[in-house]
Amino acid sequence: MKHSVRYGTWLARCKIAIVGVFLSVVPVKAETVEILALGDSLTQGYGLFEQDGFVPQLQGWLVDRGQDVRIVNAGVSGDTSAGGFARVEWSLTPEISAMIVTLGGNDLLRGLAPEETRRNIEGILKVAQARELAVLLIGMEAPGNFGIEYKEEFDALYPDLATKYGATYLNTFFAGLGEDRTPSSVAQFMQKDGIHPNPEGVERIVQVVGPKVEELLSKH
């Protein structure tokens, strides 16, 4: 009887051990990473069919490279950095674990003071920091018509804040359109307004933004 009990106990332990080994080698499916894309019309996909917009093309690029991600389009046409700051808290639902910030273009169109844009972008980064979210900050480059001092101050705010808050950084949303981004050199990649990219332009932009998002995911 004792031998039978011992054998039964030994057999049960063997089964538990086998199950434990089996579970240890079965891959666990990772949860989809949800990324909030906070921005203006460039993020929203102004003037394009939905599938041609920045967010769908970027998500497609990432999925094609094996990334399990879902990008939430929080682009609002006409939004300034102040508008983005005003809505970032309620845009960050509990499922969001990282964020792409692309704001400042409309600040430039309105000639807003660089210190105002800096204050708003920093406010957004502070919200992300409080929630322990990884951030990709995409900068904007001011045109020269506001003067060299304005341009230097505006252009510098993005790398400064990225360094201060440990954000992944890309100097400009339009980096994928080449080094020489004069209106004539990028016209073939832009819509008629000369401000928003066409589908081919978005595709080129995503080729540069995509690796930065992968860098962001590695931090996550």
N, C-alpha and C. Protein backbone atom coordinates (compact mmCIF):
# COMPACT_ATOMS: atom_id res chain seq x y z
N MET A 1 0.83 -1.21 0.00
CA MET A 1 0.00 0.00 0.00
C MET A 1 0.86 1.26 0.00
N LYS A 2 1.92 1.23 0.86
CA LYS A 2 2.80 2.38 0.93
C LYS A 2 3.51 2.61 -0.39
N HIS A 3 3.92 1.47 -0.99
CA HIS A 3 4.61 1.59 -2.29
C HIS A 3 3.68 2.21 -3.33
N SER A 4 2.41 1.83 -3.28
CA SER A 4 1.42 2.35 -4.22
C SER A 4 1.24 3.86 -4.04
N VAL A 5 1.17 4.29 -2.77
CA VAL A 5 1.00 5.72 -2.50
C VAL A 5 2.22 6.50 -2.97
N ARG A 6 3.42 5.94 -2.69
CA ARG A 6 4.65 6.62 -3.12
C ARG A 6 4.73 6.71 -4.64
N TYR A 7 4.34 5.61 -5.28
CA TYR A 7 4.37 5.62 -6.75
C TYR A 7 3.41 6.66 -7.30
N GLY A 8 2.21 6.74 -6.69
CA GLY A 8 1.22 7.72 -7.14
C GLY A 8 1.72 9.14 -6.96
N THR A 9 2.36 9.39 -5.82
CA THR A 9 2.92 10.73 -5.57
C THR A 9 4.01 11.06 -6.56
N TRP A 10 4.89 10.06 -6.78
CA TRP A 10 5.99 10.27 -7.75
C TRP A 10 5.46 10.55 -9.14
N LEU A 11 4.41 9.80 -9.55
CA LEU A 11 3.82 9.96 -10.88
C LEU A 11 3.20 11.35 -11.02
N ALA A 12 2.52 11.81 -9.97
CA ALA A 12 1.89 13.13 -10.00
C ALA A 12 2.93 14.23 -10.14
N ARG A 13 4.05 14.06 -9.42
CA ARG A 13 5.12 15.05 -9.50
C ARG A 13 5.74 15.07 -10.90
N CYS A 14 5.87 13.91 -11.48
CA CYS A 14 6.41 13.83 -12.85
C CYS A 14 5.51 14.57 -13.84
N LYS A 15 4.21 14.37 -13.67
CA LYS A 15 3.26 15.05 -14.57
C LYS A 15 3.34 16.56 -14.43
N ILE A 16 3.45 17.01 -13.17
CA ILE A 16 3.56 18.46 -12.92
C ILE A 16 4.83 19.01 -13.56
N ALA A 17 5.92 18.26 -13.42
CA ALA A 17 7.20 18.70 -14.00
C ALA A 17 7.12 18.77 -15.51
N ILE A 18 6.47 17.75 -16.13
CA ILE A 18 6.34 17.74 -17.59
C ILE A 18 5.51 18.92 -18.08
N VAL A 19 4.40 19.19 -17.35
CA VAL A 19 3.55 20.33 -17.71
C VAL A 19 4.33 21.63 -17.58
N GLY A 20 5.15 21.73 -16.50
CA GLY A 20 5.94 22.94 -16.30
C GLY A 20 6.92 23.17 -17.42
N VAL A 21 7.58 22.07 -17.87
CA VAL A 21 8.53 22.18 -18.99
C VAL A 21 7.80 22.60 -20.25
N PHE A 22 6.62 22.00 -20.48
CA PHE A 22 5.83 22.31 -21.68
C PHE A 22 5.45 23.79 -21.71
N LEU A 23 4.99 24.30 -20.57
CA LEU A 23 4.57 25.69 -20.51
C LEU A 23 5.73 26.64 -20.71
N SER A 24 6.92 26.21 -20.26
CA SER A 24 8.08 27.08 -20.37
C SER A 24 8.55 27.25 -21.80
N VAL A 25 8.21 26.29 -22.68
CA VAL A 25 8.66 26.39 -24.07
C VAL A 25 7.56 26.88 -25.01
N VAL A 26 6.31 26.98 -24.52
CA VAL A 26 5.25 27.50 -25.36
C VAL A 26 5.35 29.02 -25.41
N PRO A 27 5.51 29.62 -26.58
CA PRO A 27 5.66 31.07 -26.66
C PRO A 27 4.40 31.78 -26.18
N VAL A 28 4.62 32.86 -25.43
CA VAL A 28 3.51 33.67 -24.94
C VAL A 28 3.30 34.83 -25.91
N LYS A 29 2.11 34.98 -26.40
CA LYS A 29 1.82 36.03 -27.36
C LYS A 29 1.83 37.39 -26.66
N ALA A 30 2.68 38.30 -27.16
CA ALA A 30 2.76 39.64 -26.57
C ALA A 30 1.51 40.44 -26.92
N GLU A 31 1.16 41.33 -26.03
CA GLU A 31 0.02 42.19 -26.29
C GLU A 31 0.38 43.23 -27.35
N THR A 32 -0.61 43.62 -28.13
CA THR A 32 -0.41 44.66 -29.13
C THR A 32 -0.05 45.97 -28.45
N VAL A 33 1.01 46.62 -28.92
CA VAL A 33 1.43 47.90 -28.37
C VAL A 33 0.59 49.00 -29.03
N GLU A 34 -0.10 49.79 -28.22
CA GLU A 34 -0.91 50.88 -28.74
C GLU A 34 -0.17 52.21 -28.59
N ILE A 35 -0.04 52.92 -29.69
CA ILE A 35 0.71 54.18 -29.73
C ILE A 35 -0.23 55.31 -30.13
N LEU A 36 -0.23 56.37 -29.36
CA LEU A 36 -1.03 57.54 -29.70
C LEU A 36 -0.21 58.46 -30.60
N ALA A 37 -0.75 58.82 -31.77
CA ALA A 37 -0.12 59.79 -32.67
C ALA A 37 -0.81 61.13 -32.46
N LEU A 38 -0.21 61.99 -31.65
CA LEU A 38 -0.78 63.29 -31.31
C LEU A 38 -0.23 64.34 -32.27
N GLY A 39 -1.11 64.96 -33.04
CA GLY A 39 -0.61 65.93 -34.01
C GLY A 39 -1.69 66.77 -34.64
N ASP A 40 -1.35 67.34 -35.79
CA ASP A 40 -2.27 68.22 -36.51
C ASP A 40 -2.69 67.57 -37.82
N SER A 41 -2.88 68.35 -38.86
CA SER A 41 -3.36 67.80 -40.13
C SER A 41 -2.36 66.85 -40.79
N LEU A 42 -1.08 67.02 -40.51
CA LEU A 42 -0.07 66.12 -41.06
C LEU A 42 -0.27 64.70 -40.53
N THR A 43 -0.60 64.61 -39.27
CA THR A 43 -0.90 63.32 -38.64
C THR A 43 -2.26 62.82 -39.07
N GLN A 44 -3.23 63.73 -39.11
CA GLN A 44 -4.62 63.37 -39.41
C GLN A 44 -4.79 62.82 -40.83
N GLY A 45 -3.96 63.29 -41.76
CA GLY A 45 -4.05 62.81 -43.14
C GLY A 45 -4.88 63.72 -44.02
N TYR A 46 -4.75 65.01 -43.83
CA TYR A 46 -5.52 66.01 -44.56
C TYR A 46 -5.41 65.83 -46.08
N GLY A 47 -6.57 65.86 -46.76
CA GLY A 47 -6.60 65.83 -48.22
C GLY A 47 -6.36 64.47 -48.84
N LEU A 48 -6.28 63.42 -48.03
CA LEU A 48 -5.97 62.08 -48.55
C LEU A 48 -7.07 61.09 -48.23
N PHE A 49 -7.16 60.05 -49.04
CA PHE A 49 -8.00 58.92 -48.66
C PHE A 49 -7.41 58.32 -47.40
N GLU A 50 -8.27 57.73 -46.57
CA GLU A 50 -7.81 57.25 -45.25
C GLU A 50 -6.59 56.35 -45.36
N GLN A 51 -6.61 55.41 -46.28
CA GLN A 51 -5.52 54.44 -46.37
C GLN A 51 -4.19 55.07 -46.81
N ASP A 52 -4.25 56.27 -47.38
CA ASP A 52 -3.04 56.95 -47.85
C ASP A 52 -2.44 57.86 -46.79
N GLY A 53 -3.14 58.04 -45.67
CA GLY A 53 -2.69 58.96 -44.64
C GLY A 53 -1.46 58.46 -43.89
N PHE A 54 -0.90 59.34 -43.10
CA PHE A 54 0.32 59.05 -42.35
C PHE A 54 0.16 57.86 -41.40
N VAL A 55 -0.89 57.88 -40.59
CA VAL A 55 -1.07 56.82 -39.59
C VAL A 55 -1.27 55.44 -40.23
N PRO A 56 -2.20 55.28 -41.20
CA PRO A 56 -2.35 53.95 -41.82
C PRO A 56 -1.07 53.47 -42.53
N GLN A 57 -0.38 54.37 -43.22
CA GLN A 57 0.84 53.96 -43.91
C GLN A 57 1.94 53.58 -42.91
N LEU A 58 2.04 54.32 -41.81
CA LEU A 58 3.06 54.01 -40.81
C LEU A 58 2.75 52.67 -40.14
N GLN A 59 1.50 52.46 -39.79
CA GLN A 59 1.14 51.18 -39.17
C GLN A 59 1.40 50.02 -40.13
N GLY A 60 1.05 50.20 -41.39
CA GLY A 60 1.32 49.15 -42.38
C GLY A 60 2.80 48.84 -42.50
N TRP A 61 3.61 49.88 -42.48
CA TRP A 61 5.08 49.71 -42.57
C TRP A 61 5.59 48.90 -41.39
N LEU A 62 5.10 49.23 -40.20
CA LEU A 62 5.55 48.54 -38.98
C LEU A 62 5.07 47.09 -38.95
N VAL A 63 3.82 46.86 -39.33
CA VAL A 63 3.28 45.50 -39.34
C VAL A 63 4.03 44.64 -40.34
N ASP A 64 4.36 45.21 -41.50
CA ASP A 64 5.12 44.47 -42.51
C ASP A 64 6.49 44.04 -41.99
N ARG A 65 6.99 44.76 -41.00
CA ARG A 65 8.29 44.43 -40.40
C ARG A 65 8.14 43.59 -39.13
N GLY A 66 6.93 43.07 -38.92
CA GLY A 66 6.72 42.15 -37.82
C GLY A 66 6.37 42.79 -36.49
N GLN A 67 6.09 44.08 -36.48
CA GLN A 67 5.74 44.76 -35.24
C GLN A 67 4.24 44.60 -34.96
N ASP A 68 3.91 44.22 -33.74
CA ASP A 68 2.51 44.08 -33.33
C ASP A 68 2.07 45.39 -32.68
N VAL A 69 1.63 46.32 -33.52
CA VAL A 69 1.28 47.65 -33.03
C VAL A 69 -0.07 48.12 -33.56
N ARG A 70 -0.66 49.03 -32.83
CA ARG A 70 -1.85 49.73 -33.29
C ARG A 70 -1.62 51.22 -33.02
N ILE A 71 -1.69 52.01 -34.07
CA ILE A 71 -1.47 53.45 -33.91
C ILE A 71 -2.81 54.16 -33.92
N VAL A 72 -3.06 54.90 -32.86
CA VAL A 72 -4.32 55.64 -32.71
C VAL A 72 -4.13 57.04 -33.30
N ASN A 73 -4.95 57.39 -34.27
CA ASN A 73 -4.83 58.68 -34.95
C ASN A 73 -5.48 59.78 -34.11
N ALA A 74 -4.63 60.58 -33.46
CA ALA A 74 -5.10 61.72 -32.68
C ALA A 74 -4.64 63.01 -33.33
N GLY A 75 -4.69 63.02 -34.67
CA GLY A 75 -4.37 64.23 -35.42
C GLY A 75 -5.61 65.07 -35.63
N VAL A 76 -5.52 66.36 -35.35
CA VAL A 76 -6.64 67.29 -35.53
C VAL A 76 -6.19 68.41 -36.46
N SER A 77 -6.85 68.51 -37.60
CA SER A 77 -6.48 69.52 -38.59
C SER A 77 -6.59 70.92 -37.99
N GLY A 78 -5.55 71.71 -38.16
CA GLY A 78 -5.53 73.09 -37.67
C GLY A 78 -5.06 73.24 -36.24
N ASP A 79 -4.77 72.13 -35.58
CA ASP A 79 -4.39 72.19 -34.17
C ASP A 79 -3.01 72.81 -33.98
N THR A 80 -2.88 73.64 -32.97
CA THR A 80 -1.60 74.19 -32.56
C THR A 80 -1.03 73.33 -31.43
N SER A 81 0.16 73.66 -30.98
CA SER A 81 0.73 72.94 -29.84
C SER A 81 -0.13 73.12 -28.60
N ALA A 82 -0.76 74.29 -28.47
CA ALA A 82 -1.65 74.54 -27.34
C ALA A 82 -2.85 73.61 -27.38
N GLY A 83 -3.39 73.40 -28.57
CA GLY A 83 -4.52 72.48 -28.72
C GLY A 83 -4.14 71.06 -28.36
N GLY A 84 -2.94 70.64 -28.78
CA GLY A 84 -2.47 69.31 -28.44
C GLY A 84 -2.28 69.13 -26.95
N PHE A 85 -1.73 70.15 -26.31
CA PHE A 85 -1.53 70.11 -24.86
C PHE A 85 -2.87 70.04 -24.13
N ALA A 86 -3.86 70.76 -24.66
CA ALA A 86 -5.17 70.80 -24.01
C ALA A 86 -5.88 69.46 -24.03
N ARG A 87 -5.59 68.64 -25.02
CA ARG A 87 -6.33 67.38 -25.15
C ARG A 87 -5.50 66.13 -24.89
N VAL A 88 -4.23 66.29 -24.53
CA VAL A 88 -3.38 65.11 -24.37
C VAL A 88 -3.84 64.22 -23.21
N GLU A 89 -4.28 64.81 -22.12
CA GLU A 89 -4.68 64.02 -20.95
C GLU A 89 -5.80 63.03 -21.30
N TRP A 90 -6.87 63.53 -21.93
CA TRP A 90 -7.99 62.63 -22.22
C TRP A 90 -7.77 61.78 -23.47
N SER A 91 -6.77 62.13 -24.26
CA SER A 91 -6.44 61.30 -25.43
C SER A 91 -5.68 60.04 -25.02
N LEU A 92 -4.98 60.12 -23.90
CA LEU A 92 -4.17 58.99 -23.43
C LEU A 92 -5.03 58.03 -22.63
N THR A 93 -5.72 57.16 -23.32
CA THR A 93 -6.53 56.14 -22.67
C THR A 93 -5.60 55.11 -22.01
N PRO A 94 -6.11 54.30 -21.09
CA PRO A 94 -5.26 53.35 -20.36
C PRO A 94 -4.49 52.37 -21.24
N GLU A 95 -5.01 52.10 -22.45
CA GLU A 95 -4.34 51.11 -23.32
C GLU A 95 -3.07 51.66 -23.97
N ILE A 96 -2.95 52.99 -24.02
CA ILE A 96 -1.81 53.61 -24.70
C ILE A 96 -0.54 53.41 -23.88
N SER A 97 0.53 52.98 -24.56
CA SER A 97 1.80 52.78 -23.85
C SER A 97 2.96 53.55 -24.46
N ALA A 98 2.72 54.30 -25.53
CA ALA A 98 3.75 55.14 -26.13
C ALA A 98 3.06 56.23 -26.96
N MET A 99 3.82 57.25 -27.33
CA MET A 99 3.21 58.39 -28.02
C MET A 99 4.16 58.99 -29.05
N ILE A 100 3.59 59.38 -30.18
CA ILE A 100 4.30 60.16 -31.20
C ILE A 100 3.73 61.57 -31.16
N VAL A 101 4.59 62.57 -31.03
CA VAL A 101 4.13 63.96 -30.95
C VAL A 101 4.65 64.72 -32.17
N THR A 102 3.72 65.23 -32.97
CA THR A 102 4.07 66.01 -34.17
C THR A 102 3.24 67.28 -34.18
N LEU A 103 3.72 68.31 -33.52
CA LEU A 103 2.97 69.57 -33.40
C LEU A 103 3.92 70.74 -33.56
N GLY A 104 3.36 71.85 -34.00
CA GLY A 104 4.15 73.07 -34.15
C GLY A 104 4.01 73.71 -35.52
N GLY A 105 3.53 72.94 -36.50
CA GLY A 105 3.38 73.51 -37.85
C GLY A 105 2.42 74.67 -37.89
N ASN A 106 1.30 74.54 -37.19
CA ASN A 106 0.32 75.64 -37.18
C ASN A 106 0.76 76.80 -36.30
N ASP A 107 1.62 76.54 -35.34
CA ASP A 107 2.24 77.62 -34.57
C ASP A 107 3.06 78.50 -35.51
N LEU A 108 3.79 77.84 -36.43
CA LEU A 108 4.60 78.58 -37.39
C LEU A 108 3.73 79.38 -38.36
N LEU A 109 2.65 78.76 -38.83
CA LEU A 109 1.76 79.46 -39.76
C LEU A 109 1.15 80.70 -39.14
N ARG A 110 0.98 80.67 -37.82
CA ARG A 110 0.40 81.82 -37.11
C ARG A 110 1.45 82.75 -36.54
N GLY A 111 2.72 82.38 -36.69
CA GLY A 111 3.80 83.22 -36.18
C GLY A 111 3.82 83.31 -34.67
N LEU A 112 3.40 82.24 -33.99
CA LEU A 112 3.39 82.25 -32.52
C LEU A 112 4.81 82.26 -31.97
N ALA A 113 4.96 82.83 -30.80
CA ALA A 113 6.28 82.95 -30.18
C ALA A 113 6.84 81.57 -29.86
N PRO A 114 8.13 81.33 -30.14
CA PRO A 114 8.74 80.03 -29.86
C PRO A 114 8.61 79.60 -28.40
N GLU A 115 8.67 80.57 -27.48
CA GLU A 115 8.56 80.20 -26.06
C GLU A 115 7.18 79.63 -25.73
N GLU A 116 6.16 80.06 -26.48
CA GLU A 116 4.82 79.51 -26.27
C GLU A 116 4.76 78.05 -26.74
N THR A 117 5.34 77.80 -27.91
CA THR A 117 5.39 76.43 -28.42
C THR A 117 6.20 75.54 -27.49
N ARG A 118 7.31 76.06 -27.02
CA ARG A 118 8.16 75.29 -26.08
C ARG A 118 7.37 74.92 -24.83
N ARG A 119 6.63 75.86 -24.28
CA ARG A 119 5.87 75.61 -23.05
C ARG A 119 4.82 74.51 -23.28
N ASN A 120 4.16 74.54 -24.44
CA ASN A 120 3.12 73.54 -24.72
C ASN A 120 3.70 72.15 -24.96
N ILE A 121 4.77 72.09 -25.75
CA ILE A 121 5.40 70.79 -26.01
C ILE A 121 5.96 70.20 -24.72
N GLU A 122 6.54 71.06 -23.90
CA GLU A 122 7.07 70.57 -22.62
C GLU A 122 5.93 70.06 -21.73
N GLY A 123 4.79 70.73 -21.77
CA GLY A 123 3.63 70.28 -21.00
C GLY A 123 3.20 68.89 -21.43
N ILE A 124 3.21 68.63 -22.73
CA ILE A 124 2.85 67.31 -23.26
C ILE A 124 3.85 66.25 -22.79
N LEU A 125 5.13 66.59 -22.84
CA LEU A 125 6.16 65.64 -22.42
C LEU A 125 6.10 65.37 -20.92
N LYS A 126 5.71 66.35 -20.14
CA LYS A 126 5.56 66.13 -18.70
C LYS A 126 4.41 65.15 -18.41
N VAL A 127 3.33 65.28 -19.18
CA VAL A 127 2.21 64.34 -19.02
C VAL A 127 2.68 62.92 -19.34
N ALA A 128 3.44 62.78 -20.43
CA ALA A 128 3.96 61.46 -20.82
C ALA A 128 4.91 60.92 -19.76
N GLN A 129 5.75 61.77 -19.22
CA GLN A 129 6.71 61.35 -18.20
C GLN A 129 5.98 60.87 -16.94
N ALA A 130 4.93 61.58 -16.55
CA ALA A 130 4.16 61.19 -15.37
C ALA A 130 3.51 59.82 -15.55
N ARG A 131 3.21 59.47 -16.80
CA ARG A 131 2.58 58.17 -17.08
C ARG A 131 3.59 57.12 -17.51
N GLU A 132 4.86 57.51 -17.49
CA GLU A 132 5.94 56.59 -17.87
C GLU A 132 5.77 56.07 -19.29
N LEU A 133 5.44 56.97 -20.21
CA LEU A 133 5.26 56.61 -21.61
C LEU A 133 6.50 56.99 -22.42
N ALA A 134 6.92 56.09 -23.30
CA ALA A 134 7.99 56.42 -24.24
C ALA A 134 7.42 57.35 -25.31
N VAL A 135 8.22 58.34 -25.73
CA VAL A 135 7.75 59.36 -26.68
C VAL A 135 8.72 59.50 -27.85
N LEU A 136 8.16 59.60 -29.04
CA LEU A 136 8.91 60.04 -30.22
C LEU A 136 8.49 61.47 -30.50
N LEU A 137 9.41 62.40 -30.36
CA LEU A 137 9.13 63.81 -30.62
C LEU A 137 9.66 64.17 -32.01
N ILE A 138 8.74 64.58 -32.89
CA ILE A 138 9.11 64.96 -34.25
C ILE A 138 9.06 66.49 -34.35
N GLY A 139 10.19 67.07 -34.71
CA GLY A 139 10.30 68.51 -34.72
C GLY A 139 9.76 69.17 -35.98
N MET A 140 9.80 70.48 -35.95
CA MET A 140 9.44 71.33 -37.09
C MET A 140 10.57 72.33 -37.30
N GLU A 141 10.76 72.73 -38.54
CA GLU A 141 11.78 73.71 -38.85
C GLU A 141 11.12 75.00 -39.33
N ALA A 142 11.44 76.09 -38.66
CA ALA A 142 10.85 77.38 -39.01
C ALA A 142 11.41 77.91 -40.33
N PRO A 143 10.58 78.58 -41.13
CA PRO A 143 11.10 79.22 -42.35
C PRO A 143 11.91 80.46 -41.96
N GLY A 144 12.64 80.98 -42.92
CA GLY A 144 13.50 82.12 -42.61
C GLY A 144 12.80 83.46 -42.60
N ASN A 145 11.50 83.50 -42.98
CA ASN A 145 10.86 84.81 -43.12
C ASN A 145 10.54 85.49 -41.80
N PHE A 146 10.67 84.76 -40.67
CA PHE A 146 10.46 85.39 -39.37
C PHE A 146 11.76 85.94 -38.78
N GLY A 147 12.86 85.75 -39.51
CA GLY A 147 14.15 86.23 -39.02
C GLY A 147 14.98 85.09 -38.45
N ILE A 148 16.30 85.26 -38.47
CA ILE A 148 17.22 84.21 -38.04
C ILE A 148 17.08 83.90 -36.56
N GLU A 149 16.82 84.92 -35.74
CA GLU A 149 16.70 84.70 -34.30
C GLU A 149 15.49 83.83 -33.98
N TYR A 150 14.37 84.13 -34.63
CA TYR A 150 13.14 83.34 -34.43
C TYR A 150 13.40 81.90 -34.86
N LYS A 151 14.00 81.72 -36.02
CA LYS A 151 14.24 80.37 -36.54
C LYS A 151 15.13 79.56 -35.60
N GLU A 152 16.21 80.18 -35.13
CA GLU A 152 17.13 79.46 -34.24
C GLU A 152 16.44 79.06 -32.95
N GLU A 153 15.63 79.96 -32.40
CA GLU A 153 14.94 79.67 -31.14
C GLU A 153 13.88 78.58 -31.33
N PHE A 154 13.14 78.66 -32.43
CA PHE A 154 12.09 77.66 -32.68
C PHE A 154 12.70 76.29 -32.97
N ASP A 155 13.66 76.24 -33.86
CA ASP A 155 14.25 74.96 -34.25
C ASP A 155 14.91 74.26 -33.06
N ALA A 156 15.46 75.04 -32.12
CA ALA A 156 16.20 74.46 -31.00
C ALA A 156 15.31 73.86 -29.93
N LEU A 157 14.05 74.27 -29.86
CA LEU A 157 13.21 73.82 -28.75
C LEU A 157 12.97 72.31 -28.78
N TYR A 158 12.89 71.73 -29.96
CA TYR A 158 12.61 70.29 -30.06
C TYR A 158 13.77 69.42 -29.57
N PRO A 159 14.98 69.61 -30.09
CA PRO A 159 16.09 68.78 -29.56
C PRO A 159 16.35 69.03 -28.09
N ASP A 160 16.19 70.29 -27.64
CA ASP A 160 16.39 70.60 -26.22
C ASP A 160 15.44 69.80 -25.35
N LEU A 161 14.16 69.79 -25.71
CA LEU A 161 13.16 69.10 -24.91
C LEU A 161 13.29 67.58 -25.02
N ALA A 162 13.67 67.10 -26.20
CA ALA A 162 13.87 65.66 -26.36
C ALA A 162 14.99 65.17 -25.44
N THR A 163 16.06 65.94 -25.36
CA THR A 163 17.17 65.59 -24.46
C THR A 163 16.74 65.67 -23.01
N LYS A 164 16.04 66.72 -22.65
CA LYS A 164 15.62 66.92 -21.26
C LYS A 164 14.71 65.80 -20.77
N TYR A 165 13.81 65.31 -21.64
CA TYR A 165 12.82 64.32 -21.22
C TYR A 165 13.11 62.91 -21.75
N GLY A 166 14.27 62.73 -22.34
CA GLY A 166 14.66 61.39 -22.79
C GLY A 166 13.80 60.84 -23.91
N ALA A 167 13.29 61.72 -24.77
CA ALA A 167 12.42 61.28 -25.87
C ALA A 167 13.27 60.88 -27.08
N THR A 168 12.78 59.92 -27.83
CA THR A 168 13.34 59.64 -29.15
C THR A 168 13.06 60.85 -30.02
N TYR A 169 14.00 61.22 -30.90
CA TYR A 169 13.87 62.50 -31.61
C TYR A 169 14.12 62.36 -33.11
N LEU A 170 13.29 63.06 -33.88
CA LEU A 170 13.49 63.23 -35.31
C LEU A 170 13.37 64.71 -35.60
N ASN A 171 14.32 65.26 -36.33
CA ASN A 171 14.39 66.72 -36.46
C ASN A 171 13.21 67.34 -37.20
N THR A 172 12.64 66.63 -38.18
CA THR A 172 11.51 67.19 -38.91
C THR A 172 10.64 66.08 -39.50
N PHE A 173 9.36 66.32 -39.54
CA PHE A 173 8.40 65.39 -40.12
C PHE A 173 8.74 65.11 -41.58
N PHE A 174 9.32 66.09 -42.27
CA PHE A 174 9.58 65.98 -43.70
C PHE A 174 10.97 65.44 -44.04
N ALA A 175 11.64 64.83 -43.08
CA ALA A 175 13.01 64.34 -43.31
C ALA A 175 13.08 63.38 -44.49
N GLY A 176 12.02 62.59 -44.70
CA GLY A 176 12.02 61.61 -45.77
C GLY A 176 11.97 62.19 -47.17
N LEU A 177 11.76 63.49 -47.28
CA LEU A 177 11.69 64.12 -48.60
C LEU A 177 13.04 64.59 -49.10
N GLY A 178 14.10 64.29 -48.36
CA GLY A 178 15.45 64.62 -48.82
C GLY A 178 16.09 65.74 -48.04
N GLU A 179 17.37 65.94 -48.29
CA GLU A 179 18.13 66.99 -47.61
C GLU A 179 17.72 68.38 -48.08
N ASP A 180 17.55 68.52 -49.37
CA ASP A 180 17.16 69.80 -49.96
C ASP A 180 15.64 69.87 -50.05
N ARG A 181 15.04 70.50 -49.04
CA ARG A 181 13.58 70.52 -48.99
C ARG A 181 13.02 71.89 -49.39
N THR A 182 13.54 72.45 -50.48
CA THR A 182 12.99 73.70 -51.00
C THR A 182 11.65 73.37 -51.66
N PRO A 183 10.75 74.35 -51.76
CA PRO A 183 9.44 74.10 -52.37
C PRO A 183 9.51 73.43 -53.74
N SER A 184 10.47 73.84 -54.56
CA SER A 184 10.56 73.28 -55.91
C SER A 184 11.04 71.83 -55.88
N SER A 185 11.93 71.49 -54.95
CA SER A 185 12.49 70.14 -54.92
C SER A 185 11.52 69.10 -54.34
N VAL A 186 10.56 69.55 -53.54
CA VAL A 186 9.62 68.59 -52.93
C VAL A 186 8.22 68.69 -53.53
N ALA A 187 8.04 69.53 -54.54
CA ALA A 187 6.71 69.78 -55.10
C ALA A 187 6.03 68.49 -55.58
N GLN A 188 6.80 67.55 -56.11
CA GLN A 188 6.20 66.31 -56.63
C GLN A 188 5.64 65.42 -55.53
N PHE A 189 6.04 65.68 -54.28
CA PHE A 189 5.58 64.88 -53.15
C PHE A 189 4.52 65.60 -52.30
N MET A 190 4.09 66.75 -52.78
CA MET A 190 3.15 67.56 -52.01
C MET A 190 1.82 67.73 -52.73
N GLN A 191 0.79 68.00 -51.95
CA GLN A 191 -0.49 68.37 -52.54
C GLN A 191 -0.39 69.80 -53.09
N LYS A 192 -1.44 70.24 -53.74
CA LYS A 192 -1.40 71.54 -54.40
C LYS A 192 -1.17 72.70 -53.44
N ASP A 193 -1.54 72.51 -52.16
CA ASP A 193 -1.36 73.60 -51.20
C ASP A 193 0.11 73.80 -50.82
N GLY A 194 0.96 72.85 -51.17
CA GLY A 194 2.38 72.98 -50.86
C GLY A 194 2.72 72.77 -49.39
N ILE A 195 1.73 72.37 -48.59
CA ILE A 195 1.93 72.19 -47.15
C ILE A 195 1.82 70.72 -46.74
N HIS A 196 0.86 70.03 -47.36
CA HIS A 196 0.58 68.64 -46.97
C HIS A 196 1.10 67.67 -48.02
N PRO A 197 1.69 66.55 -47.58
CA PRO A 197 2.22 65.58 -48.54
C PRO A 197 1.12 64.80 -49.25
N ASN A 198 1.42 64.38 -50.48
CA ASN A 198 0.52 63.49 -51.21
C ASN A 198 0.86 62.05 -50.80
N PRO A 199 0.14 61.04 -51.33
CA PRO A 199 0.42 59.66 -50.89
C PRO A 199 1.87 59.23 -51.05
N GLU A 200 2.50 59.60 -52.17
CA GLU A 200 3.90 59.23 -52.36
C GLU A 200 4.79 59.94 -51.35
N GLY A 201 4.44 61.19 -51.07
CA GLY A 201 5.21 61.94 -50.06
C GLY A 201 5.10 61.29 -48.70
N VAL A 202 3.88 60.87 -48.32
CA VAL A 202 3.69 60.18 -47.04
C VAL A 202 4.51 58.90 -46.99
N GLU A 203 4.52 58.17 -48.10
CA GLU A 203 5.29 56.92 -48.15
C GLU A 203 6.76 57.18 -47.86
N ARG A 204 7.30 58.25 -48.45
CA ARG A 204 8.70 58.58 -48.22
C ARG A 204 8.94 59.03 -46.78
N ILE A 205 7.99 59.79 -46.25
CA ILE A 205 8.10 60.25 -44.86
C ILE A 205 8.12 59.06 -43.90
N VAL A 206 7.26 58.08 -44.17
CA VAL A 206 7.17 56.90 -43.31
C VAL A 206 8.47 56.09 -43.33
N GLN A 207 9.18 56.10 -44.45
CA GLN A 207 10.44 55.36 -44.55
C GLN A 207 11.47 55.87 -43.53
N VAL A 208 11.35 57.11 -43.12
CA VAL A 208 12.26 57.68 -42.12
C VAL A 208 11.65 57.64 -40.72
N VAL A 209 10.36 57.92 -40.63
CA VAL A 209 9.71 57.89 -39.32
C VAL A 209 9.64 56.46 -38.76
N GLY A 210 9.40 55.48 -39.65
CA GLY A 210 9.25 54.10 -39.22
C GLY A 210 10.38 53.59 -38.33
N PRO A 211 11.65 53.72 -38.77
CA PRO A 211 12.75 53.26 -37.92
C PRO A 211 12.80 53.98 -36.57
N LYS A 212 12.38 55.23 -36.54
CA LYS A 212 12.34 55.96 -35.27
C LYS A 212 11.27 55.37 -34.34
N VAL A 213 10.16 54.93 -34.92
CA VAL A 213 9.12 54.29 -34.10
C VAL A 213 9.63 52.94 -33.58
N GLU A 214 10.40 52.23 -34.39
CA GLU A 214 11.00 50.98 -33.92
C GLU A 214 11.97 51.24 -32.76
N GLU A 215 12.68 52.35 -32.85
CA GLU A 215 13.56 52.75 -31.75
C GLU A 215 12.72 53.04 -30.50
N LEU A 216 11.59 53.69 -30.70
CA LEU A 216 10.67 53.97 -29.61
C LEU A 216 10.16 52.68 -28.97
N LEU A 217 9.81 51.71 -29.80
CA LEU A 217 9.31 50.43 -29.31
C LEU A 217 10.36 49.67 -28.52
N SER A 218 11.62 49.83 -28.89
CA SER A 218 12.68 49.16 -28.15
C SER A 218 12.81 49.73 -26.74
N LYS A 219 12.50 51.01 -26.58
CA LYS A 219 12.48 51.62 -25.25
C LYS A 219 11.30 51.10 -24.44
N HIS A 220 10.15 50.92 -25.14
CA HIS A 220 8.96 50.40 -24.46
C HIS A 220 9.20 48.99 -23.96
